[in-house]
Amino acid sequence: MSDPQIPKKIHRRFFLARVAGLSLFAFIEAIPKNVFAFSAPRLRRAKKLTYTLWSWGYGSSGQLGNGATSIRSSPVQVGGNTAWSAVSAGSDFSLSLRADGTVWSFGNNNTGQLGQGTTTSRSSPIRIGTLSSWAKISAGLAHIHLIKKDGTLWSSGYNSDGQLGVGNRTSRFAV
């Protein structure tokens, strides 16, 4: 029985395809238009695992972190750093954590979601503040939440529904 929604010329079978050029991925995060993948871990000082970060997909706002604002159909390394430990993707922006406890952001910043104190978008990773005591990161639709090693929670970005958790509905542009 054929599906009336699918034109007859389109096959209903889909096959997995190998991602070109790379192997030994450790883990991946995907959102509707972008993909981030970490290479196989490397053991660094103090026995921390670190990874190179790769991205591909829709990059019109610089959210792929490769210095460009274009679509990438194959993986491109994010920055020259090989010490990434986490990534979180929002809507047209991204947030990443390095093994040294610094947080970096890139992509669309129209509501201050990059945590830089401005609304300037970035196509390459830029460090958020000067602290190196961040432990966890999370990107929302147009806002971010960061947890420091002392357990305190920090936020920045769009806050129309109180999603920053700061007791009001005023957007913030810096962590």
Protein backbone atom coordinates (compact mmCIF):
# COMPACT_ATOMS: atom_id res chain seq x y z
CA MET A 1 0.00 0.00 0.00
CA SER A 2 1.49 3.36 -0.96
CA ASP A 3 1.46 6.47 1.15
CA PRO A 4 -0.40 9.32 -0.62
CA GLN A 5 1.90 11.85 1.12
CA ILE A 6 5.04 10.52 -0.60
CA PRO A 7 5.43 11.07 -4.36
CA LYS A 8 5.84 7.82 -6.32
CA LYS A 9 9.34 8.79 -7.52
CA ILE A 10 10.69 9.04 -3.97
CA HIS A 11 11.76 5.76 -2.43
CA ARG A 12 10.50 5.09 1.05
CA ARG A 13 13.80 3.53 2.14
CA PHE A 14 16.44 5.56 3.87
CA PHE A 15 19.96 4.33 4.41
CA LEU A 16 22.58 5.41 6.89
CA ALA A 17 25.55 7.17 5.37
CA ARG A 18 28.99 7.45 6.92
CA VAL A 19 29.99 10.99 7.89
CA ALA A 20 32.79 11.95 5.54
CA GLY A 21 36.39 12.33 6.56
CA LEU A 22 36.40 11.46 10.24
CA SER A 23 36.23 8.47 12.50
CA LEU A 24 36.37 7.67 16.19
CA PHE A 25 33.62 9.98 17.41
CA ALA A 26 32.93 9.74 21.12
CA PHE A 27 29.52 11.41 21.39
CA ILE A 28 27.20 13.73 19.53
CA GLU A 29 24.53 16.39 20.06
CA ALA A 30 22.07 17.21 17.31
CA ILE A 31 19.35 19.80 16.95
CA PRO A 32 17.09 20.20 13.91
CA LYS A 33 19.62 22.05 11.70
CA ASN A 34 23.04 21.45 13.31
CA VAL A 35 25.21 18.64 14.56
CA PHE A 36 28.13 18.74 16.99
CA ALA A 37 30.38 15.74 17.52
CA PHE A 38 33.40 15.14 19.72
CA SER A 39 36.38 13.15 18.54
CA ALA A 40 37.60 10.15 20.49
CA PRO A 41 38.87 11.25 23.90
CA ARG A 42 42.46 12.06 24.69
CA LEU A 43 43.77 11.66 28.21
CA ARG A 44 45.17 14.98 29.42
CA ARG A 45 46.85 16.07 32.64
CA ALA A 46 44.99 15.18 35.82
CA LYS A 47 43.34 12.30 33.95
CA LYS A 48 40.65 14.47 32.35
CA LEU A 49 39.28 13.40 29.00
CA THR A 50 39.30 16.12 26.35
CA TYR A 51 38.00 16.22 22.82
CA THR A 52 38.25 18.14 19.57
CA LEU A 53 34.88 19.58 18.58
CA TRP A 54 33.42 19.24 15.08
CA SER A 55 30.25 20.73 13.60
CA TRP A 56 28.22 20.72 10.43
CA GLY A 57 24.80 21.80 9.16
CA TYR A 58 23.09 25.17 8.98
CA GLY A 59 25.51 27.93 9.96
CA SER A 60 24.00 31.24 8.80
CA SER A 61 24.43 32.87 12.22
CA GLY A 62 27.91 31.50 12.90
CA GLN A 63 26.55 28.81 15.22
CA LEU A 64 28.94 26.20 13.80
CA GLY A 65 31.91 28.07 15.30
CA ASN A 66 34.13 27.71 12.24
CA GLY A 67 34.49 31.45 11.53
CA ALA A 68 31.96 31.39 8.69
CA THR A 69 28.24 31.95 8.21
CA SER A 70 27.42 29.23 5.71
CA ILE A 71 25.99 25.76 5.47
CA ARG A 72 28.50 22.92 5.95
CA SER A 73 27.64 19.47 4.62
CA SER A 74 30.73 17.84 6.11
CA PRO A 75 32.43 18.19 9.51
CA VAL A 76 34.61 21.21 10.25
CA GLN A 77 36.64 21.65 13.41
CA VAL A 78 35.41 24.29 15.86
CA GLY A 79 38.37 26.57 16.58
CA GLY A 80 41.85 25.17 16.95
CA ASN A 81 41.31 23.97 20.49
CA THR A 82 41.64 20.31 21.37
CA ALA A 83 40.47 20.59 24.97
CA TRP A 84 36.67 20.83 24.73
CA SER A 85 34.72 18.89 27.32
CA ALA A 86 31.04 19.78 26.62
CA VAL A 87 28.79 21.48 24.07
CA SER A 88 25.18 22.63 24.15
CA ALA A 89 23.29 23.98 21.14
CA GLY A 90 20.52 26.56 21.30
CA SER A 91 18.52 28.10 18.49
CA ASP A 92 21.16 29.47 16.05
CA PHE A 93 23.87 29.71 18.74
CA SER A 94 26.13 27.34 20.63
CA LEU A 95 27.84 27.12 23.98
CA SER A 96 30.95 25.09 24.79
CA LEU A 97 32.99 24.26 27.87
CA ARG A 98 36.74 23.69 27.83
CA ALA A 99 38.57 21.29 30.13
CA ASP A 100 40.16 24.29 31.87
CA GLY A 101 36.72 25.44 33.13
CA THR A 102 36.28 28.33 30.69
CA VAL A 103 33.04 28.79 28.73
CA TRP A 104 32.91 29.87 25.10
CA SER A 105 29.95 30.87 22.91
CA PHE A 106 29.27 31.56 19.24
CA GLY A 107 26.41 32.23 16.82
CA ASN A 108 23.36 34.49 16.94
CA ASN A 109 23.31 36.90 19.88
CA ASN A 110 20.25 39.08 19.26
CA THR A 111 19.00 38.65 22.84
CA GLY A 112 22.34 38.45 24.67
CA GLN A 113 22.32 34.65 24.80
CA LEU A 114 26.09 34.47 24.21
CA GLY A 115 26.66 36.00 27.66
CA GLN A 116 29.13 38.57 26.32
CA GLY A 117 27.42 41.74 27.57
CA THR A 118 26.45 42.74 24.00
CA THR A 119 24.11 41.67 21.25
CA THR A 120 26.91 41.17 18.70
CA SER A 121 26.79 37.79 16.97
CA ARG A 122 30.01 35.75 16.65
CA SER A 123 31.05 33.13 14.09
CA SER A 124 34.02 31.85 16.13
CA PRO A 125 34.14 30.81 19.78
CA ILE A 126 34.59 33.74 22.16
CA ARG A 127 35.21 33.34 25.86
CA ILE A 128 32.50 34.35 28.32
CA GLY A 129 34.10 36.49 31.03
CA THR A 130 37.37 35.70 32.76
CA LEU A 131 36.33 32.92 35.15
CA SER A 132 37.69 29.40 34.80
CA SER A 133 35.48 27.83 37.42
CA TRP A 134 32.55 26.61 35.29
CA ALA A 135 31.42 23.00 35.66
CA LYS A 136 28.28 22.59 33.49
CA ILE A 137 26.57 24.40 30.61
CA SER A 138 23.12 24.40 29.05
CA ALA A 139 21.76 26.35 26.06
CA GLY A 140 18.04 27.03 25.75
CA LEU A 141 16.07 28.51 22.88
CA ALA A 142 17.64 31.99 23.30
CA HIS A 143 19.22 31.83 26.75
CA ILE A 144 21.97 30.01 28.64
CA HIS A 145 22.49 28.57 32.10
CA LEU A 146 25.93 27.90 33.58
CA ILE A 147 26.84 26.15 36.81
CA LYS A 148 30.07 27.06 38.57
CA LYS A 149 32.16 24.49 40.41
CA ASP A 150 30.81 25.94 43.69
CA GLY A 151 27.27 24.93 42.58
CA THR A 152 25.92 28.44 41.88
CA LEU A 153 23.70 28.88 38.82
CA TRP A 154 24.17 31.79 36.37
CA SER A 155 22.09 32.78 33.33
CA SER A 156 21.93 35.18 30.38
CA GLY A 157 19.72 35.88 27.37
CA TYR A 158 16.04 36.17 26.58
CA ASN A 159 13.78 36.19 29.64
CA SER A 160 10.22 36.93 28.48
CA ASP A 161 8.78 34.05 30.51
CA GLY A 162 11.17 34.19 33.45
CA GLN A 163 13.32 31.36 32.08
CA LEU A 164 16.50 32.90 33.51
CA GLY A 165 15.22 32.32 37.04
CA VAL A 166 16.29 35.74 38.34
CA GLY A 167 12.96 36.83 39.80
CA ASN A 168 11.80 39.03 36.90
CA ARG A 169 11.20 38.91 33.15
CA THR A 170 13.99 41.27 32.07
CA SER A 171 16.47 39.87 29.54
CA ARG A 172 20.16 39.92 30.53
CA PHE A 173 23.14 40.29 28.23
CA ALA A 174 25.97 39.04 30.47
CA VAL A 175 26.60 36.21 32.89
